[in-house]
Structure formats: C-alpha cells, structure tokens
Amino acid sequence: MNDHHCEPFAADCAVRLAAELIAHTWDPVVLMALRAGRRRRLDLLAAVAGVSDKVLTQTLRRLHANGLILRITTPGDRAVAYELSPLGASLADGPLAALGAWAVRHADEILAAQEVQGARESV
C-alpha cells in the first residue's frame, strides 16, 4: 500500500513530514486548545494542564515556525495572542480531531495495553 507517495523511511515522505509537525508532546494539545479561538499565552497556560511556561513558550515558537499558528500583536498592547493559521486549522479540525476521536473510542484498549506492558517491564 503506497497511497502517500513515498518510499518507506524516505526523508521526503509526506507522512513523515506530517508526523514531525505533531511529534512533540504538547504540539497537538496546544493546537487543539487553539481550536476555541484566539488566546493569550497565559490563557493557554491555564487551559493546557501540565505544561510548564518554558515548554509552552517553546511549543508556541515551534508551531509558529511551522506555519501552524499566527502570533497576533495589537498596537499599544504588550500582550501577544495566538490563533490557528488556516494550515493549523486544517490540521486541528481534520487529522487531529480524527485522532482524538479514535483515542476516545479505544482509550480502554490503549490503557490496558500500557498497563500490561508496564507490568512486564517491572518484572
């Protein structure tokens, strides 16, 4: 099956390119948090449980550099806000939303497999 027009493990594989966009733990979480609309960094920090300020800042820079979010500044206001770019919205509303729905459907199976694996590793 070669429906993505790339050789296995090729550096220019489209699937590999897409996977690299969400490879960091917090990237997909922040993208999904921005589906609700424009948010300031502190709002994102409160909305995304468990992320540190430093890691959120790195994540926002990476997502911006990849063209997935827009950095919005308002004249006279020092605060910066972020929102999905059209490219980021297409990723969040399409593949990431589908992945999230898949995870909800299979959460019990995933957790059971992880529990079994964890038990094996502790022996």
PDB file of N, CA and C in Angstrom:
ATOM      1  N   MET A   1       0.846  -1.172   0.000  1.00  0.00           N
ATOM      2  CA  MET A   1       0.000   0.000   0.000  1.00  0.00           C
ATOM      3  C   MET A   1       0.893   1.237   0.000  1.00  0.00           C
ATOM      4  N   ASN A   2       0.779   2.022  -1.021  1.00  0.00           N
ATOM      5  CA  ASN A   2       1.611   3.212  -1.148  1.00  0.00           C
ATOM      6  C   ASN A   2       0.732   4.391  -1.549  1.00  0.00           C
ATOM      7  N   ASP A   3      -0.224   4.734  -0.701  1.00  0.00           N
ATOM      8  CA  ASP A   3      -1.136   5.814  -1.037  1.00  0.00           C
ATOM      9  C   ASP A   3      -0.635   7.188  -0.606  1.00  0.00           C
ATOM     10  N   HIS A   4       0.558   7.254  -0.073  1.00  0.00           N
ATOM     11  CA  HIS A   4       1.105   8.539   0.353  1.00  0.00           C
ATOM     12  C   HIS A   4       2.331   8.942  -0.461  1.00  0.00           C
ATOM     13  N   HIS A   5       2.571   8.241  -1.537  1.00  0.00           N
ATOM     14  CA  HIS A   5       3.617   8.600  -2.491  1.00  0.00           C
ATOM     15  C   HIS A   5       4.991   8.777  -1.863  1.00  0.00           C
ATOM     16  N   CYS A   6       5.401   7.807  -1.073  1.00  0.00           N
ATOM     17  CA  CYS A   6       6.752   7.865  -0.531  1.00  0.00           C
ATOM     18  C   CYS A   6       7.266   6.464  -0.288  1.00  0.00           C
ATOM     19  N   GLU A   7       8.548   6.342  -0.428  1.00  0.00           N
ATOM     20  CA  GLU A   7       9.200   5.074  -0.134  1.00  0.00           C
ATOM     21  C   GLU A   7       9.311   4.931   1.379  1.00  0.00           C
ATOM     22  N   PRO A   8       9.308   3.707   1.871  1.00  0.00           N
ATOM     23  CA  PRO A   8       9.436   3.532   3.322  1.00  0.00           C
ATOM     24  C   PRO A   8      10.688   4.218   3.865  1.00  0.00           C
ATOM     25  N   PHE A   9      10.487   4.999   4.901  1.00  0.00           N
ATOM     26  CA  PHE A   9      11.560   5.683   5.626  1.00  0.00           C
ATOM     27  C   PHE A   9      12.263   6.777   4.821  1.00  0.00           C
ATOM     28  N   ALA A  10      11.727   7.157   3.681  1.00  0.00           N
ATOM     29  CA  ALA A  10      12.353   8.214   2.883  1.00  0.00           C
ATOM     30  C   ALA A  10      12.277   9.543   3.639  1.00  0.00           C
ATOM     31  N   ALA A  11      13.324  10.324   3.534  1.00  0.00           N
ATOM     32  CA  ALA A  11      13.388  11.600   4.251  1.00  0.00           C
ATOM     33  C   ALA A  11      12.318  12.577   3.778  1.00  0.00           C
ATOM     34  N   ASP A  12      11.884  12.459   2.517  1.00  0.00           N
ATOM     35  CA  ASP A  12      10.898  13.393   1.990  1.00  0.00           C
ATOM     36  C   ASP A  12       9.484  12.816   1.986  1.00  0.00           C
ATOM     37  N   CYS A  13       9.250  11.791   2.755  1.00  0.00           N
ATOM     38  CA  CYS A  13       7.941  11.150   2.842  1.00  0.00           C
ATOM     39  C   CYS A  13       6.920  12.125   3.446  1.00  0.00           C
ATOM     40  N   ALA A  14       5.771  12.255   2.815  1.00  0.00           N
ATOM     41  CA  ALA A  14       4.740  13.175   3.294  1.00  0.00           C
ATOM     42  C   ALA A  14       4.212  12.770   4.668  1.00  0.00           C
ATOM     43  N   VAL A  15       4.089  11.485   4.916  1.00  0.00           N
ATOM     44  CA  VAL A  15       3.621  11.028   6.228  1.00  0.00           C
ATOM     45  C   VAL A  15       4.636  11.406   7.305  1.00  0.00           C
ATOM     46  N   ARG A  16       5.895  11.253   6.985  1.00  0.00           N
ATOM     47  CA  ARG A  16       6.952  11.624   7.937  1.00  0.00           C
ATOM     48  C   ARG A  16       6.916  13.125   8.220  1.00  0.00           C
ATOM     49  N   LEU A  17       6.723  13.914   7.175  1.00  0.00           N
ATOM     50  CA  LEU A  17       6.619  15.367   7.332  1.00  0.00           C
ATOM     51  C   LEU A  17       5.451  15.718   8.250  1.00  0.00           C
ATOM     52  N   ALA A  18       4.309  15.105   8.019  1.00  0.00           N
ATOM     53  CA  ALA A  18       3.128  15.378   8.845  1.00  0.00           C
ATOM     54  C   ALA A  18       3.356  14.946  10.288  1.00  0.00           C
ATOM     55  N   ALA A  19       3.964  13.785  10.479  1.00  0.00           N
ATOM     56  CA  ALA A  19       4.216  13.285  11.834  1.00  0.00           C
ATOM     57  C   ALA A  19       5.159  14.211  12.595  1.00  0.00           C
ATOM     58  N   GLU A  20       6.127  14.789  11.905  1.00  0.00           N
ATOM     59  CA  GLU A  20       7.069  15.699  12.558  1.00  0.00           C
ATOM     60  C   GLU A  20       6.375  16.966  13.067  1.00  0.00           C
ATOM     61  N   LEU A  21       5.251  17.332  12.437  1.00  0.00           N
ATOM     62  CA  LEU A  21       4.520  18.523  12.875  1.00  0.00           C
ATOM     63  C   LEU A  21       3.867  18.336  14.237  1.00  0.00           C
ATOM     64  N   ILE A  22       3.605  17.093  14.612  1.00  0.00           N
ATOM     65  CA  ILE A  22       2.939  16.840  15.896  1.00  0.00           C
ATOM     66  C   ILE A  22       3.750  15.902  16.784  1.00  0.00           C
ATOM     67  N   ALA A  23       5.032  15.768  16.495  1.00  0.00           N
ATOM     68  CA  ALA A  23       5.874  14.812  17.214  1.00  0.00           C
ATOM     69  C   ALA A  23       6.151  15.225  18.657  1.00  0.00           C
ATOM     70  N   HIS A  24       6.177  16.502  18.929  1.00  0.00           N
ATOM     71  CA  HIS A  24       6.429  16.958  20.296  1.00  0.00           C
ATOM     72  C   HIS A  24       5.150  16.809  21.118  1.00  0.00           C
ATOM     73  N   THR A  25       5.291  16.402  22.340  1.00  0.00           N
ATOM     74  CA  THR A  25       4.161  16.070  23.207  1.00  0.00           C
ATOM     75  C   THR A  25       3.084  17.144  23.242  1.00  0.00           C
ATOM     76  N   TRP A  26       3.481  18.396  23.358  1.00  0.00           N
ATOM     77  CA  TRP A  26       2.491  19.446  23.580  1.00  0.00           C
ATOM     78  C   TRP A  26       1.960  20.069  22.301  1.00  0.00           C
ATOM     79  N   ASP A  27       2.575  19.825  21.161  1.00  0.00           N
ATOM     80  CA  ASP A  27       2.134  20.456  19.911  1.00  0.00           C
ATOM     81  C   ASP A  27       0.665  20.173  19.594  1.00  0.00           C
ATOM     82  N   PRO A  28       0.239  18.910  19.539  1.00  0.00           N
ATOM     83  CA  PRO A  28      -1.168  18.663  19.213  1.00  0.00           C
ATOM     84  C   PRO A  28      -2.125  19.178  20.290  1.00  0.00           C
ATOM     85  N   VAL A  29      -1.696  19.154  21.542  1.00  0.00           N
ATOM     86  CA  VAL A  29      -2.551  19.628  22.636  1.00  0.00           C
ATOM     87  C   VAL A  29      -2.787  21.132  22.501  1.00  0.00           C
ATOM     88  N   VAL A  30      -1.744  21.886  22.218  1.00  0.00           N
ATOM     89  CA  VAL A  30      -1.876  23.336  22.053  1.00  0.00           C
ATOM     90  C   VAL A  30      -2.699  23.656  20.810  1.00  0.00           C
ATOM     91  N   LEU A  31      -2.471  22.930  19.732  1.00  0.00           N
ATOM     92  CA  LEU A  31      -3.282  23.145  18.528  1.00  0.00           C
ATOM     93  C   LEU A  31      -4.763  22.939  18.830  1.00  0.00           C
ATOM     94  N   MET A  32      -5.078  21.878  19.556  1.00  0.00           N
ATOM     95  CA  MET A  32      -6.480  21.614  19.884  1.00  0.00           C
ATOM     96  C   MET A  32      -7.036  22.684  20.828  1.00  0.00           C
ATOM     97  N   ALA A  33      -6.218  23.191  21.733  1.00  0.00           N
ATOM     98  CA  ALA A  33      -6.664  24.260  22.634  1.00  0.00           C
ATOM     99  C   ALA A  33      -6.973  25.536  21.854  1.00  0.00           C
ATOM    100  N   LEU A  34      -6.263  25.753  20.762  1.00  0.00           N
ATOM    101  CA  LEU A  34      -6.483  26.951  19.948  1.00  0.00           C
ATOM    102  C   LEU A  34      -7.678  26.818  19.009  1.00  0.00           C
ATOM    103  N   ARG A  35      -8.279  25.637  18.939  1.00  0.00           N
ATOM    104  CA  ARG A  35      -9.499  25.486  18.131  1.00  0.00           C
ATOM    105  C   ARG A  35     -10.611  26.378  18.667  1.00  0.00           C
ATOM    106  N   ALA A  36     -10.562  26.689  19.955  1.00  0.00           N
ATOM    107  CA  ALA A  36     -11.588  27.533  20.578  1.00  0.00           C
ATOM    108  C   ALA A  36     -11.461  28.998  20.155  1.00  0.00           C
ATOM    109  N   GLY A  37     -10.351  29.345  19.519  1.00  0.00           N
ATOM    110  CA  GLY A  37     -10.155  30.717  19.074  1.00  0.00           C
ATOM    111  C   GLY A  37      -8.890  31.326  19.644  1.00  0.00           C
ATOM    112  N   ARG A  38      -8.719  32.597  19.384  1.00  0.00           N
ATOM    113  CA  ARG A  38      -7.521  33.330  19.794  1.00  0.00           C
ATOM    114  C   ARG A  38      -7.360  33.300  21.309  1.00  0.00           C
ATOM    115  N   ARG A  39      -6.114  33.046  21.736  1.00  0.00           N
ATOM    116  CA  ARG A  39      -5.817  33.005  23.174  1.00  0.00           C
ATOM    117  C   ARG A  39      -4.452  33.617  23.442  1.00  0.00           C
ATOM    118  N   ARG A  40      -4.345  34.241  24.594  1.00  0.00           N
ATOM    119  CA  ARG A  40      -3.056  34.726  25.063  1.00  0.00           C
ATOM    120  C   ARG A  40      -2.296  33.580  25.704  1.00  0.00           C
ATOM    121  N   ARG A  41      -0.994  33.762  25.830  1.00  0.00           N
ATOM    122  CA  ARG A  41      -0.135  32.704  26.372  1.00  0.00           C
ATOM    123  C   ARG A  41      -0.584  32.268  27.759  1.00  0.00           C
ATOM    124  N   LEU A  42      -0.904  33.212  28.627  1.00  0.00           N
ATOM    125  CA  LEU A  42      -1.328  32.849  29.986  1.00  0.00           C
ATOM    126  C   LEU A  42      -2.650  32.084  29.983  1.00  0.00           C
ATOM    127  N   ASP A  43      -3.536  32.409  29.045  1.00  0.00           N
ATOM    128  CA  ASP A  43      -4.782  31.648  28.911  1.00  0.00           C
ATOM    129  C   ASP A  43      -4.481  30.215  28.486  1.00  0.00           C
ATOM    130  N   LEU A  44      -3.542  30.065  27.564  1.00  0.00           N
ATOM    131  CA  LEU A  44      -3.144  28.721  27.130  1.00  0.00           C
ATOM    132  C   LEU A  44      -2.490  27.958  28.269  1.00  0.00           C
ATOM    133  N   LEU A  45      -1.678  28.650  29.040  1.00  0.00           N
ATOM    134  CA  LEU A  45      -1.011  28.010  30.174  1.00  0.00           C
ATOM    135  C   LEU A  45      -2.044  27.457  31.160  1.00  0.00           C
ATOM    136  N   ALA A  46      -3.122  28.197  31.369  1.00  0.00           N
ATOM    137  CA  ALA A  46      -4.187  27.731  32.261  1.00  0.00           C
ATOM    138  C   ALA A  46      -5.013  26.618  31.616  1.00  0.00           C
ATOM    139  N   ALA A  47      -5.194  26.684  30.305  1.00  0.00           N
ATOM    140  CA  ALA A  47      -6.048  25.715  29.610  1.00  0.00           C
ATOM    141  C   ALA A  47      -5.373  24.364  29.398  1.00  0.00           C
ATOM    142  N   VAL A  48      -4.054  24.366  29.250  1.00  0.00           N
ATOM    143  CA  VAL A  48      -3.319  23.133  28.952  1.00  0.00           C
ATOM    144  C   VAL A  48      -2.679  22.631  30.248  1.00  0.00           C
ATOM    145  N   ALA A  49      -3.368  21.749  30.912  1.00  0.00           N
ATOM    146  CA  ALA A  49      -2.903  21.238  32.206  1.00  0.00           C
ATOM    147  C   ALA A  49      -1.590  20.480  32.046  1.00  0.00           C
ATOM    148  N   GLY A  50      -0.638  20.810  32.925  1.00  0.00           N
ATOM    149  CA  GLY A  50       0.609  20.063  32.974  1.00  0.00           C
ATOM    150  C   GLY A  50       1.770  20.649  32.202  1.00  0.00           C
ATOM    151  N   VAL A  51       1.519  21.611  31.334  1.00  0.00           N
ATOM    152  CA  VAL A  51       2.614  22.197  30.563  1.00  0.00           C
ATOM    153  C   VAL A  51       3.249  23.324  31.379  1.00  0.00           C
ATOM    154  N   SER A  52       4.576  23.398  31.341  1.00  0.00           N
ATOM    155  CA  SER A  52       5.270  24.486  32.035  1.00  0.00           C
ATOM    156  C   SER A  52       5.305  25.719  31.138  1.00  0.00           C
ATOM    157  N   ASP A  53       5.553  26.858  31.742  1.00  0.00           N
ATOM    158  CA  ASP A  53       5.640  28.111  30.993  1.00  0.00           C
ATOM    159  C   ASP A  53       6.734  28.027  29.929  1.00  0.00           C
ATOM    160  N   LYS A  54       7.892  27.497  30.307  1.00  0.00           N
ATOM    161  CA  LYS A  54       9.020  27.381  29.376  1.00  0.00           C
ATOM    162  C   LYS A  54       8.665  26.478  28.196  1.00  0.00           C
ATOM    163  N   VAL A  55       8.071  25.331  28.473  1.00  0.00           N
ATOM    164  CA  VAL A  55       7.735  24.381  27.404  1.00  0.00           C
ATOM    165  C   VAL A  55       6.626  24.947  26.516  1.00  0.00           C
ATOM    166  N   LEU A  56       5.662  25.651  27.110  1.00  0.00           N
ATOM    167  CA  LEU A  56       4.616  26.275  26.296  1.00  0.00           C
ATOM    168  C   LEU A  56       5.221  27.303  25.352  1.00  0.00           C
ATOM    169  N   THR A  57       6.142  28.108  25.852  1.00  0.00           N
ATOM    170  CA  THR A  57       6.801  29.108  25.004  1.00  0.00           C
ATOM    171  C   THR A  57       7.539  28.433  23.851  1.00  0.00           C
ATOM    172  N   GLN A  58       8.270  27.361  24.129  1.00  0.00           N
ATOM    173  CA  GLN A  58       8.967  26.614  23.073  1.00  0.00           C
ATOM    174  C   GLN A  58       7.974  26.036  22.069  1.00  0.00           C
ATOM    175  N   THR A  59       6.865  25.521  22.568  1.00  0.00           N
ATOM    176  CA  THR A  59       5.840  24.934  21.707  1.00  0.00           C
ATOM    177  C   THR A  59       5.239  25.991  20.798  1.00  0.00           C
ATOM    178  N   LEU A  60       4.904  27.146  21.347  1.00  0.00           N
ATOM    179  CA  LEU A  60       4.331  28.223  20.541  1.00  0.00           C
ATOM    180  C   LEU A  60       5.312  28.681  19.468  1.00  0.00           C
ATOM    181  N   ARG A  61       6.572  28.786  19.801  1.00  0.00           N
ATOM    182  CA  ARG A  61       7.584  29.183  18.809  1.00  0.00           C
ATOM    183  C   ARG A  61       7.688  28.150  17.688  1.00  0.00           C
ATOM    184  N   ARG A  62       7.668  26.875  18.057  1.00  0.00           N
ATOM    185  CA  ARG A  62       7.783  25.801  17.068  1.00  0.00           C
ATOM    186  C   ARG A  62       6.548  25.778  16.148  1.00  0.00           C
ATOM    187  N   LEU A  63       5.363  25.885  16.734  1.00  0.00           N
ATOM    188  CA  LEU A  63       4.138  25.878  15.934  1.00  0.00           C
ATOM    189  C   LEU A  63       4.091  27.090  15.007  1.00  0.00           C
ATOM    190  N   HIS A  64       4.549  28.232  15.490  1.00  0.00           N
ATOM    191  CA  HIS A  64       4.601  29.436  14.659  1.00  0.00           C
ATOM    192  C   HIS A  64       5.604  29.260  13.518  1.00  0.00           C
ATOM    193  N   ALA A  65       6.772  28.717  13.834  1.00  0.00           N
ATOM    194  CA  ALA A  65       7.806  28.495  12.809  1.00  0.00           C
ATOM    195  C   ALA A  65       7.337  27.517  11.738  1.00  0.00           C
ATOM    196  N   ASN A  66       6.464  26.586  12.107  1.00  0.00           N
ATOM    197  CA  ASN A  66       5.935  25.614  11.147  1.00  0.00           C
ATOM    198  C   ASN A  66       4.696  26.115  10.415  1.00  0.00           C
ATOM    199  N   GLY A  67       4.296  27.353  10.689  1.00  0.00           N
ATOM    200  CA  GLY A  67       3.160  27.939   9.987  1.00  0.00           C
ATOM    201  C   GLY A  67       1.805  27.453  10.471  1.00  0.00           C
ATOM    202  N   LEU A  68       1.761  26.843  11.656  1.00  0.00           N
ATOM    203  CA  LEU A  68       0.505  26.280  12.152  1.00  0.00           C
ATOM    204  C   LEU A  68      -0.292  27.251  13.017  1.00  0.00           C
ATOM    205  N   ILE A  69       0.386  28.254  13.575  1.00  0.00           N
ATOM    206  CA  ILE A  69      -0.312  29.274  14.360  1.00  0.00           C
ATOM    207  C   ILE A  69       0.164  30.653  13.942  1.00  0.00           C
ATOM    208  N   LEU A  70      -0.669  31.637  14.223  1.00  0.00           N
ATOM    209  CA  LEU A  70      -0.339  33.032  13.975  1.00  0.00           C
ATOM    210  C   LEU A  70      -0.084  33.710  15.312  1.00  0.00           C
ATOM    211  N   ARG A  71       0.899  34.576  15.329  1.00  0.00           N
ATOM    212  CA  ARG A  71       1.225  35.367  16.527  1.00  0.00           C
ATOM    213  C   ARG A  71       0.640  36.752  16.299  1.00  0.00           C
ATOM    214  N   ILE A  72      -0.308  37.138  17.145  1.00  0.00           N
ATOM    215  CA  ILE A  72      -1.057  38.371  16.955  1.00  0.00           C
ATOM    216  C   ILE A  72      -0.616  39.408  17.983  1.00  0.00           C
ATOM    217  N   THR A  73      -0.193  40.567  17.487  1.00  0.00           N
ATOM    218  CA  THR A  73       0.139  41.684  18.368  1.00  0.00           C
ATOM    219  C   THR A  73      -0.820  42.830  18.069  1.00  0.00           C
ATOM    220  N   THR A  74      -1.162  43.577  19.110  1.00  0.00           N
ATOM    221  CA  THR A  74      -2.053  44.717  18.966  1.00  0.00           C
ATOM    222  C   THR A  74      -1.274  45.967  19.333  1.00  0.00           C
ATOM    223  N   PRO A  75      -1.269  46.991  18.472  1.00  0.00           N
ATOM    224  CA  PRO A  75      -0.550  48.224  18.797  1.00  0.00           C
ATOM    225  C   PRO A  75      -1.018  48.787  20.143  1.00  0.00           C
ATOM    226  N   GLY A  76      -0.062  49.150  20.981  1.00  0.00           N
ATOM    227  CA  GLY A  76      -0.371  49.708  22.288  1.00  0.00           C
ATOM    228  C   GLY A  76      -0.626  48.668  23.364  1.00  0.00           C
ATOM    229  N   ASP A  77      -0.639  47.408  22.989  1.00  0.00           N
ATOM    230  CA  ASP A  77      -0.859  46.329  23.957  1.00  0.00           C
ATOM    231  C   ASP A  77       0.346  45.403  23.893  1.00  0.00           C
ATOM    232  N   ARG A  78       1.014  45.227  25.031  1.00  0.00           N
ATOM    233  CA  ARG A  78       2.221  44.392  25.040  1.00  0.00           C
ATOM    234  C   ARG A  78       1.903  42.910  24.954  1.00  0.00           C
ATOM    235  N   ALA A  79       0.699  42.530  25.315  1.00  0.00           N
ATOM    236  CA  ALA A  79       0.338  41.110  25.316  1.00  0.00           C
ATOM    237  C   ALA A  79       0.245  40.585  23.888  1.00  0.00           C
ATOM    238  N   VAL A  80       0.651  39.356  23.722  1.00  0.00           N
ATOM    239  CA  VAL A  80       0.606  38.681  22.431  1.00  0.00           C
ATOM    240  C   VAL A  80      -0.453  37.595  22.517  1.00  0.00           C
ATOM    241  N   ALA A  81      -1.173  37.401  21.432  1.00  0.00           N
ATOM    242  CA  ALA A  81      -2.162  36.326  21.375  1.00  0.00           C
ATOM    243  C   ALA A  81      -1.793  35.388  20.232  1.00  0.00           C
ATOM    244  N   TYR A  82      -2.356  34.209  20.279  1.00  0.00           N
ATOM    245  CA  TYR A  82      -2.087  33.195  19.263  1.00  0.00           C
ATOM    246  C   TYR A  82      -3.404  32.639  18.757  1.00  0.00           C
ATOM    247  N   GLU A  83      -3.412  32.301  17.471  1.00  0.00           N
ATOM    248  CA  GLU A  83      -4.569  31.634  16.890  1.00  0.00           C
ATOM    249  C   GLU A  83      -4.091  30.699  15.794  1.00  0.00           C
ATOM    250  N   LEU A  84      -4.944  29.757  15.444  1.00  0.00           N
ATOM    251  CA  LEU A  84      -4.589  28.827  14.380  1.00  0.00           C
ATOM    252  C   LEU A  84      -4.487  29.559  13.052  1.00  0.00           C
ATOM    253  N   SER A  85      -3.494  29.224  12.270  1.00  0.00           N
ATOM    254  CA  SER A  85      -3.425  29.687  10.889  1.00  0.00           C
ATOM    255  C   SER A  85      -4.386  28.803  10.089  1.00  0.00           C
ATOM    256  N   PRO A  86      -4.687  29.150   8.850  1.00  0.00           N
ATOM    257  CA  PRO A  86      -5.514  28.246   8.047  1.00  0.00           C
ATOM    258  C   PRO A  86      -4.909  26.841   7.954  1.00  0.00           C
ATOM    259  N   LEU A  87      -3.589  26.766   7.841  1.00  0.00           N
ATOM    260  CA  LEU A  87      -2.921  25.464   7.800  1.00  0.00           C
ATOM    261  C   LEU A  87      -3.107  24.722   9.122  1.00  0.00           C
ATOM    262  N   GLY A  88      -2.920  25.423  10.234  1.00  0.00           N
ATOM    263  CA  GLY A  88      -3.099  24.810  11.547  1.00  0.00           C
ATOM    264  C   GLY A  88      -4.533  24.376  11.787  1.00  0.00           C
ATOM    265  N   ALA A  89      -5.488  25.190  11.328  1.00  0.00           N
ATOM    266  CA  ALA A  89      -6.904  24.827  11.479  1.00  0.00           C
ATOM    267  C   ALA A  89      -7.222  23.568  10.685  1.00  0.00           C
ATOM    268  N   SER A  90      -6.638  23.447   9.494  1.00  0.00           N
ATOM    269  CA  SER A  90      -6.902  22.244   8.694  1.00  0.00           C
ATOM    270  C   SER A  90      -6.328  21.005   9.367  1.00  0.00           C
ATOM    271  N   LEU A  91      -5.211  21.155  10.066  1.00  0.00           N
ATOM    272  CA  LEU A  91      -4.625  20.031  10.803  1.00  0.00           C
ATOM    273  C   LEU A  91      -5.447  19.720  12.055  1.00  0.00           C
ATOM    274  N   ALA A  92      -5.801  20.746  12.821  1.00  0.00           N
ATOM    275  CA  ALA A  92      -6.543  20.538  14.069  1.00  0.00           C
ATOM    276  C   ALA A  92      -7.954  20.016  13.812  1.00  0.00           C
ATOM    277  N   ASP A  93      -8.626  20.572  12.829  1.00  0.00           N
ATOM    278  CA  ASP A  93     -10.014  20.188  12.559  1.00  0.00           C
ATOM    279  C   ASP A  93     -10.136  18.877  11.799  1.00  0.00           C
ATOM    280  N   GLY A  94      -9.064  18.472  11.126  1.00  0.00           N
ATOM    281  CA  GLY A  94      -9.100  17.235  10.346  1.00  0.00           C
ATOM    282  C   GLY A  94      -8.409  16.092  11.055  1.00  0.00           C
ATOM    283  N   PRO A  95      -7.135  15.866  10.745  1.00  0.00           N
ATOM    284  CA  PRO A  95      -6.432  14.701  11.292  1.00  0.00           C
ATOM    285  C   PRO A  95      -6.355  14.654  12.816  1.00  0.00           C
ATOM    286  N   LEU A  96      -6.120  15.782  13.477  1.00  0.00           N
ATOM    287  CA  LEU A  96      -6.024  15.749  14.943  1.00  0.00           C
ATOM    288  C   LEU A  96      -7.372  15.455  15.589  1.00  0.00           C
ATOM    289  N   ALA A  97      -8.434  16.034  15.050  1.00  0.00           N
ATOM    290  CA  ALA A  97      -9.767  15.740  15.584  1.00  0.00           C
ATOM    291  C   ALA A  97     -10.102  14.266  15.382  1.00  0.00           C
ATOM    292  N   ALA A  98      -9.739  13.725  14.224  1.00  0.00           N
ATOM    293  CA  ALA A  98      -9.978  12.301  13.961  1.00  0.00           C
ATOM    294  C   ALA A  98      -9.148  11.429  14.899  1.00  0.00           C
ATOM    295  N   LEU A  99      -7.904  11.806  15.136  1.00  0.00           N
ATOM    296  CA  LEU A  99      -7.050  11.055  16.058  1.00  0.00           C
ATOM    297  C   LEU A  99      -7.622  11.104  17.476  1.00  0.00           C
ATOM    298  N   GLY A 100      -8.108  12.255  17.881  1.00  0.00           N
ATOM    299  CA  GLY A 100      -8.731  12.383  19.197  1.00  0.00           C
ATOM    300  C   GLY A 100      -9.968  11.508  19.326  1.00  0.00           C
ATOM    301  N   ALA A 101     -10.800  11.489  18.287  1.00  0.00           N
ATOM    302  CA  ALA A 101     -11.997  10.636  18.301  1.00  0.00           C
ATOM    303  C   ALA A 101     -11.604   9.166  18.368  1.00  0.00           C
ATOM    304  N   TRP A 102     -10.571   8.793  17.629  1.00  0.00           N
ATOM    305  CA  TRP A 102     -10.072   7.413  17.670  1.00  0.00           C
ATOM    306  C   TRP A 102      -9.596   7.066  19.081  1.00  0.00           C
ATOM    307  N   ALA A 103      -8.871   7.984  19.711  1.00  0.00           N
ATOM    308  CA  ALA A 103      -8.358   7.741  21.063  1.00  0.00           C
ATOM    309  C   ALA A 103      -9.493   7.574  22.066  1.00  0.00           C
ATOM    310  N   VAL A 104     -10.554   8.350  21.914  1.00  0.00           N
ATOM    311  CA  VAL A 104     -11.708   8.207  22.804  1.00  0.00           C
ATOM    312  C   VAL A 104     -12.335   6.823  22.638  1.00  0.00           C
ATOM    313  N   ARG A 105     -12.495   6.393  21.382  1.00  0.00           N
ATOM    314  CA  ARG A 105     -13.096   5.076  21.114  1.00  0.00           C
ATOM    315  C   ARG A 105     -12.248   3.934  21.646  1.00  0.00           C
ATOM    316  N   HIS A 106     -10.941   4.091  21.653  1.00  0.00           N
ATOM    317  CA  HIS A 106     -10.040   2.993  22.004  1.00  0.00           C
ATOM    318  C   HIS A 106      -9.262   3.226  23.300  1.00  0.00           C
ATOM    319  N   ALA A 107      -9.677   4.190  24.099  1.00  0.00           N
ATOM    320  CA  ALA A 107      -8.935   4.534  25.320  1.00  0.00           C
ATOM    321  C   ALA A 107      -8.762   3.336  26.242  1.00  0.00           C
ATOM    322  N   ASP A 108      -9.813   2.557  26.434  1.00  0.00           N
ATOM    323  CA  ASP A 108      -9.710   1.399  27.334  1.00  0.00           C
ATOM    324  C   ASP A 108      -8.681   0.396  26.829  1.00  0.00           C
ATOM    325  N   GLU A 109      -8.681   0.151  25.529  1.00  0.00           N
ATOM    326  CA  GLU A 109      -7.719  -0.795  24.949  1.00  0.00           C
ATOM    327  C   GLU A 109      -6.287  -0.279  25.079  1.00  0.00           C
ATOM    328  N   ILE A 110      -6.115   1.001  24.823  1.00  0.00           N
ATOM    329  CA  ILE A 110      -4.780   1.604  24.911  1.00  0.00           C
ATOM    330  C   ILE A 110      -4.262   1.517  26.343  1.00  0.00           C
ATOM    331  N   LEU A 111      -5.104   1.899  27.296  1.00  0.00           N
ATOM    332  CA  LEU A 111      -4.692   1.875  28.703  1.00  0.00           C
ATOM    333  C   LEU A 111      -4.419   0.455  29.183  1.00  0.00           C
ATOM    334  N   ALA A 112      -5.225  -0.503  28.734  1.00  0.00           N
ATOM    335  CA  ALA A 112      -4.999  -1.902  29.114  1.00  0.00           C
ATOM    336  C   ALA A 112      -3.665  -2.399  28.572  1.00  0.00           C
ATOM    337  N   ALA A 113      -3.363  -2.065  27.324  1.00  0.00           N
ATOM    338  CA  ALA A 113      -2.092  -2.485  26.726  1.00  0.00           C
ATOM    339  C   ALA A 113      -0.920  -1.847  27.462  1.00  0.00           C
ATOM    340  N   GLN A 114      -1.049  -0.579  27.811  1.00  0.00           N
ATOM    341  CA  GLN A 114       0.021   0.100  28.542  1.00  0.00           C
ATOM    342  C   GLN A 114       0.209  -0.493  29.929  1.00  0.00           C
ATOM    343  N   GLU A 115      -0.891  -0.880  30.552  1.00  0.00           N
ATOM    344  CA  GLU A 115      -0.813  -1.493  31.878  1.00  0.00           C
ATOM    345  C   GLU A 115      -0.103  -2.839  31.808  1.00  0.00           C
ATOM    346  N   VAL A 116      -0.433  -3.646  30.804  1.00  0.00           N
ATOM    347  CA  VAL A 116       0.226  -4.945  30.626  1.00  0.00           C
ATOM    348  C   VAL A 116       1.712  -4.737  30.376  1.00  0.00           C
ATOM    349  N   GLN A 117       2.045  -3.797  29.511  1.00  0.00           N
ATOM    350  CA  GLN A 117       3.448  -3.531  29.199  1.00  0.00           C
ATOM    351  C   GLN A 117       4.185  -3.037  30.431  1.00  0.00           C
ATOM    352  N   GLY A 118       3.547  -2.174  31.212  1.00  0.00           N
ATOM    353  CA  GLY A 118       4.161  -1.677  32.439  1.00  0.00           C
ATOM    354  C   GLY A 118       4.422  -2.794  33.431  1.00  0.00           C
ATOM    355  N   ALA A 119       3.497  -3.743  33.513  1.00  0.00           N
ATOM    356  CA  ALA A 119       3.678  -4.892  34.409  1.00  0.00           C
ATOM    357  C   ALA A 119       4.841  -5.753  33.944  1.00  0.00           C
ATOM    358  N   ARG A 120       4.981  -5.904  32.631  1.00  0.00           N
ATOM    359  CA  ARG A 120       6.095  -6.696  32.082  1.00  0.00           C
ATOM    360  C   ARG A 120       7.434  -6.037  32.385  1.00  0.00           C
ATOM    361  N   GLU A 121       7.483  -4.725  32.254  1.00  0.00           N
ATOM    362  CA  GLU A 121       8.746  -4.011  32.454  1.00  0.00           C
ATOM    363  C   GLU A 121       9.159  -3.975  33.918  1.00  0.00           C
ATOM    364  N   SER A 122       8.208  -4.105  34.831  1.00  0.00           N
ATOM    365  CA  SER A 122       8.552  -4.047  36.252  1.00  0.00           C
ATOM    366  C   SER A 122       8.995  -5.399  36.803  1.00  0.00           C
ATOM    367  N   VAL A 123       8.890  -6.456  35.978  1.00  0.00           N
ATOM    368  CA  VAL A 123       9.295  -7.803  36.430  1.00  0.00           C
ATOM    369  C   VAL A 123      10.780  -7.977  36.279  1.00  0.00           C
TER     370      VAL A 123
END
